[in-house]
Amino acid sequence: MKHYFNIAVLGLLITLTASNEVQAIKEPVSTQSKIEALKAGQAEIRKDLADIKKLLQPKKRAQQVSNVNQVLDISAAPSKGNKTAPLTIVEFVDYQCPYCAKHFKSVLPLLIKNYVDTGKVRYVLRDFPLSFHKNATVAAYAAHCAGDQGKYWEMHDILFKNPRALSKSKLPAHAKAIGLDTEKFNACLSGNSHQARVNANMGDGRKLGVKGTPSFVIGFTLDNGNSVKGEKMIRGAVGYNVFRKTVEGLLATKQ
């Protein structure tokens, strides 16, 4: 019985195959050509998309840490830590940048605790407000206006803690909250008193190849803390371990 069943199945398969071949012969050649051309076009599109993905995906990590070889003047820059610490980290910052805010919340506290407070690293801020962040420049002015009254870092912190309150009309409230003389602060802000400083910071950043924020230059402290010899550049809001490995590697060369 099983033998007859197998013969029947085989016969059915032969019939179906023959039927398909006849159908293919009857089908117009032009239609088949169109189908084949369409399939070939789809294959090319899939190949192009795959190539684009390969180009885009791996580059971010490869470029996170790179070498630099430039001396940067930091004599007038706001800083934390020992002025003559062996290493200096210079952050190019935009107060409206969400990645800068991420660094401020998750990585900067660890750098302060493990390296700045222990005297190994000095942490310096330079401005790099991006053109498509409409409140970034005025926020940079606000930080320096607060610095005129000795409270740069207090303004720095409150700006990052209030990312939706960076417009010029919101800044006097921040000044009041950190105990500034608001009349002096408002006069400083309205007069764009620190425009030249912010522009100079951006110019220095461009010379180093800074294009986005946050960007960090890490190097050896020179001239009693007035400059830094850049050795490494870190781009983007990377994790703490990237900083740790970079800092420890540079410190090891000083021993």
Protein backbone atom coordinates (compact mmCIF):
# COMPACT_ATOMS: atom_id res chain seq x y z
CA MET A 1 0.00 0.00 0.00
CA LYS A 2 2.81 2.40 0.92
CA HIS A 3 4.48 1.61 -2.44
CA TYR A 4 1.36 2.66 -4.38
CA PHE A 5 1.08 5.85 -2.30
CA ASN A 6 4.68 6.83 -3.13
CA ILE A 7 4.04 6.25 -6.83
CA ALA A 8 0.96 8.47 -6.64
CA VAL A 9 2.85 11.29 -4.92
CA LEU A 10 5.66 11.07 -7.49
CA GLY A 11 3.15 11.24 -10.31
CA LEU A 12 1.53 14.31 -8.78
CA LEU A 13 4.91 16.08 -8.46
CA ILE A 14 5.76 15.33 -12.10
CA THR A 15 2.38 16.71 -13.20
CA LEU A 16 2.82 19.92 -11.18
CA THR A 17 6.36 20.46 -12.48
CA ALA A 18 5.26 19.99 -16.06
CA SER A 19 2.35 22.33 -15.53
CA ASN A 20 4.65 25.04 -14.16
CA GLU A 21 7.04 24.66 -17.10
CA VAL A 22 4.18 25.01 -19.59
CA GLN A 23 2.91 28.09 -17.77
CA ALA A 24 6.39 29.65 -17.87
CA ILE A 25 6.59 28.99 -21.63
CA LYS A 26 3.16 30.56 -22.20
CA GLU A 27 4.07 33.65 -20.10
CA PRO A 28 5.20 36.55 -22.31
CA VAL A 29 8.93 37.07 -22.46
CA SER A 30 8.52 40.82 -21.83
CA THR A 31 6.81 40.21 -18.48
CA GLN A 32 9.54 37.82 -17.39
CA SER A 33 12.18 40.36 -18.34
CA LYS A 34 10.45 43.04 -16.30
CA ILE A 35 10.28 40.75 -13.29
CA GLU A 36 13.97 39.85 -13.58
CA ALA A 37 14.93 43.51 -13.96
CA LEU A 38 12.87 44.41 -10.91
CA LYS A 39 14.55 41.69 -8.86
CA ALA A 40 17.98 42.86 -9.99
CA GLY A 41 17.15 46.45 -9.05
CA GLN A 42 15.96 45.39 -5.60
CA ALA A 43 19.16 43.43 -5.06
CA GLU A 44 21.25 46.48 -5.95
CA ILE A 45 19.27 48.66 -3.54
CA ARG A 46 19.75 46.13 -0.73
CA LYS A 47 23.50 46.03 -1.46
CA ASP A 48 23.74 49.84 -1.42
CA LEU A 49 21.89 50.04 1.90
CA ALA A 50 24.16 47.42 3.43
CA ASP A 51 27.24 49.35 2.26
CA ILE A 52 25.89 52.59 3.74
CA LYS A 53 25.26 50.90 7.10
CA LYS A 54 28.82 49.55 7.16
CA LEU A 55 30.18 53.03 6.52
CA LEU A 56 28.10 54.69 9.23
CA GLN A 57 28.17 52.20 12.10
CA PRO A 58 31.81 51.64 13.10
CA LYS A 59 33.21 55.17 12.86
CA LYS A 60 31.86 56.70 16.05
CA ARG A 61 33.84 54.47 18.36
CA ALA A 62 36.97 54.55 16.25
CA GLN A 63 37.13 58.35 16.49
CA GLN A 64 36.27 58.82 20.16
CA VAL A 65 39.89 59.15 21.24
CA SER A 66 42.54 60.67 18.99
CA ASN A 67 45.98 62.24 19.28
CA VAL A 68 46.54 65.99 19.34
CA ASN A 69 49.73 68.01 19.49
CA GLN A 70 48.96 71.60 20.38
CA VAL A 71 49.53 73.96 23.29
CA LEU A 72 46.35 75.65 24.51
CA ASP A 73 46.25 78.83 26.59
CA ILE A 74 44.02 78.34 29.64
CA SER A 75 45.24 81.26 31.75
CA ALA A 76 41.84 83.00 31.84
CA ALA A 77 39.62 79.89 31.80
CA PRO A 78 37.38 78.81 34.71
CA SER A 79 38.82 75.75 36.38
CA LYS A 80 38.50 73.28 39.23
CA GLY A 81 41.41 71.75 41.11
CA ASN A 82 45.10 72.35 41.62
CA LYS A 83 46.40 74.83 39.06
CA THR A 84 49.66 72.90 38.73
CA ALA A 85 48.20 69.37 38.68
CA PRO A 86 50.20 67.08 36.35
CA LEU A 87 47.32 66.76 33.88
CA THR A 88 44.64 69.13 32.66
CA ILE A 89 41.31 68.24 31.06
CA VAL A 90 39.78 71.01 28.95
CA GLU A 91 36.09 70.59 28.12
CA PHE A 92 34.57 72.48 25.21
CA VAL A 93 31.00 72.92 26.36
CA ASP A 94 27.56 73.95 25.09
CA TYR A 95 24.98 74.48 27.84
CA GLN A 96 22.09 73.49 25.56
CA CYS A 97 23.77 70.28 24.41
CA PRO A 98 22.04 67.17 25.84
CA TYR A 99 25.27 65.18 25.59
CA CYS A 100 27.10 67.81 27.64
CA ALA A 101 24.32 67.50 30.22
CA LYS A 102 24.78 63.72 30.23
CA HIS A 103 28.51 64.16 30.88
CA PHE A 104 27.76 66.68 33.64
CA LYS A 105 25.44 64.25 35.42
CA SER A 106 27.19 60.92 35.04
CA VAL A 107 30.91 61.38 34.36
CA LEU A 108 32.07 64.75 35.71
CA PRO A 109 31.31 63.86 39.37
CA LEU A 110 33.56 60.79 39.08
CA LEU A 111 36.36 62.80 37.47
CA ILE A 112 36.12 65.38 40.24
CA LYS A 113 36.15 62.73 42.97
CA ASN A 114 38.90 60.48 41.61
CA TYR A 115 41.23 62.90 39.86
CA VAL A 116 40.52 66.57 40.60
CA ASP A 117 40.06 66.24 44.36
CA THR A 118 43.15 64.02 44.57
CA GLY A 119 45.34 66.63 42.87
CA LYS A 120 46.07 64.60 39.74
CA VAL A 121 43.97 66.60 37.28
CA ARG A 122 42.83 70.17 36.80
CA TYR A 123 39.46 70.56 35.05
CA VAL A 124 39.00 73.55 32.74
CA LEU A 125 35.97 74.86 30.82
CA ARG A 126 36.02 76.51 27.39
CA ASP A 127 32.91 77.62 25.49
CA PHE A 128 31.75 76.11 22.22
CA PRO A 129 28.06 77.05 21.76
CA LEU A 130 26.70 75.37 18.64
CA SER A 131 24.90 77.58 16.12
CA PHE A 132 21.73 75.47 16.05
CA HIS A 133 21.23 75.82 19.82
CA LYS A 134 19.58 79.22 20.02
CA ASN A 135 20.15 79.72 23.77
CA ALA A 136 23.66 78.27 24.03
CA THR A 137 25.56 81.50 23.44
CA VAL A 138 23.60 83.60 25.92
CA ALA A 139 23.95 80.79 28.47
CA ALA A 140 27.73 80.93 28.01
CA TYR A 141 27.60 84.70 28.60
CA ALA A 142 25.56 84.09 31.75
CA ALA A 143 28.16 81.69 33.16
CA HIS A 144 30.92 84.26 32.69
CA CYS A 145 28.79 87.09 34.07
CA ALA A 146 28.33 84.94 37.18
CA GLY A 147 32.07 84.32 37.16
CA ASP A 148 32.61 88.07 37.44
CA GLN A 149 30.99 87.76 40.86
CA GLY A 150 32.93 84.62 41.79
CA LYS A 151 30.18 82.12 40.99
CA TYR A 152 30.97 80.68 37.58
CA TRP A 153 30.60 77.05 38.66
CA GLU A 154 27.36 77.72 40.54
CA MET A 155 25.87 79.13 37.34
CA HIS A 156 27.40 76.29 35.32
CA ASP A 157 25.62 73.77 37.54
CA ILE A 158 22.24 75.50 37.57
CA LEU A 159 22.24 75.87 33.78
CA PHE A 160 22.74 72.14 33.30
CA LYS A 161 20.11 71.33 35.91
CA ASN A 162 17.54 73.50 34.10
CA PRO A 163 17.95 72.74 30.39
CA ARG A 164 14.53 74.18 29.53
CA ALA A 165 15.23 77.51 31.21
CA LEU A 166 18.17 78.86 29.23
CA SER A 167 16.55 81.76 27.39
CA LYS A 168 17.68 85.28 28.23
CA SER A 169 14.46 86.02 30.11
CA LYS A 170 15.01 83.01 32.42
CA LEU A 171 18.63 83.72 33.35
CA PRO A 172 18.06 86.49 35.94
CA ALA A 173 16.10 83.99 38.05
CA HIS A 174 19.13 81.69 38.07
CA ALA A 175 21.33 84.62 39.07
CA LYS A 176 19.04 85.39 41.99
CA ALA A 177 18.91 81.71 43.02
CA ILE A 178 22.69 81.54 43.42
CA GLY A 179 22.92 84.85 45.27
CA LEU A 180 24.28 87.19 42.59
CA ASP A 181 23.82 90.92 42.43
CA THR A 182 21.13 90.72 39.77
CA GLU A 183 21.52 94.33 38.67
CA LYS A 184 25.18 93.79 37.84
CA PHE A 185 24.40 90.43 36.28
CA ASN A 186 21.69 91.87 34.03
CA ALA A 187 23.95 94.72 32.92
CA CYS A 188 26.71 92.24 32.06
CA LEU A 189 24.30 90.02 30.14
CA SER A 190 22.62 92.84 28.22
CA GLY A 191 25.96 94.34 27.25
CA ASN A 192 27.31 91.06 25.85
CA SER A 193 30.34 91.71 28.02
CA HIS A 194 31.87 88.29 27.39
CA GLN A 195 31.22 87.99 23.66
CA ALA A 196 34.91 88.35 22.78
CA ARG A 197 35.89 85.67 25.30
CA VAL A 198 33.33 83.18 24.00
CA ASN A 199 34.36 83.86 20.40
CA ALA A 200 38.02 83.33 21.32
CA ASN A 201 37.17 80.02 22.98
CA MET A 202 35.36 78.87 19.86
CA GLY A 203 38.29 79.91 17.69
CA ASP A 204 40.70 77.86 19.80
CA GLY A 205 38.34 74.91 19.61
CA ARG A 206 38.18 75.06 15.82
CA LYS A 207 41.99 75.14 15.60
CA LEU A 208 42.00 71.88 17.57
CA GLY A 209 39.42 70.33 15.28
CA VAL A 210 36.45 70.62 17.62
CA LYS A 211 33.20 70.33 15.67
CA GLY A 212 30.72 69.17 18.28
CA THR A 213 30.17 69.02 22.00
CA PRO A 214 31.25 67.85 24.41
CA SER A 215 34.87 67.62 23.25
CA PHE A 216 37.81 67.22 25.61
CA VAL A 217 41.51 67.93 25.30
CA ILE A 218 43.67 66.08 27.83
CA GLY A 219 47.33 66.85 28.27
CA PHE A 220 50.20 67.95 30.47
CA THR A 221 49.98 71.15 32.49
CA LEU A 222 52.56 73.79 31.52
CA ASP A 223 53.66 77.30 32.55
CA ASN A 224 52.47 77.05 36.15
CA GLY A 225 48.98 76.17 34.99
CA ASN A 226 48.63 78.83 32.31
CA SER A 227 48.64 76.39 29.40
CA VAL A 228 48.21 72.74 28.56
CA LYS A 229 50.13 70.60 26.08
CA GLY A 230 47.34 68.63 24.44
CA GLU A 231 48.04 64.92 23.97
CA LYS A 232 44.62 63.31 23.54
CA MET A 233 41.21 64.44 22.36
CA ILE A 234 37.99 62.71 23.41
CA ARG A 235 34.89 63.42 21.36
CA GLY A 236 31.37 63.00 22.63
CA ALA A 237 29.71 61.91 25.86
CA VAL A 238 31.81 58.81 26.45
CA GLY A 239 31.75 56.69 29.58
CA TYR A 240 33.95 57.25 32.60
CA ASN A 241 36.23 54.32 31.72
CA VAL A 242 37.36 56.04 28.52
CA PHE A 243 38.57 58.98 30.62
CA ARG A 244 40.09 56.70 33.24
CA LYS A 245 42.17 54.77 30.70
CA THR A 246 43.29 57.96 28.96
CA VAL A 247 44.21 59.77 32.17
CA GLU A 248 45.97 56.77 33.71
CA GLY A 249 47.92 56.20 30.51
CA LEU A 250 49.19 59.78 30.47
CA LEU A 251 49.96 59.79 34.20
CA ALA A 252 52.03 56.63 33.75
CA THR A 253 54.29 58.42 31.27
CA LYS A 254 55.06 61.07 33.91
CA GLN A 255 56.36 58.56 36.47
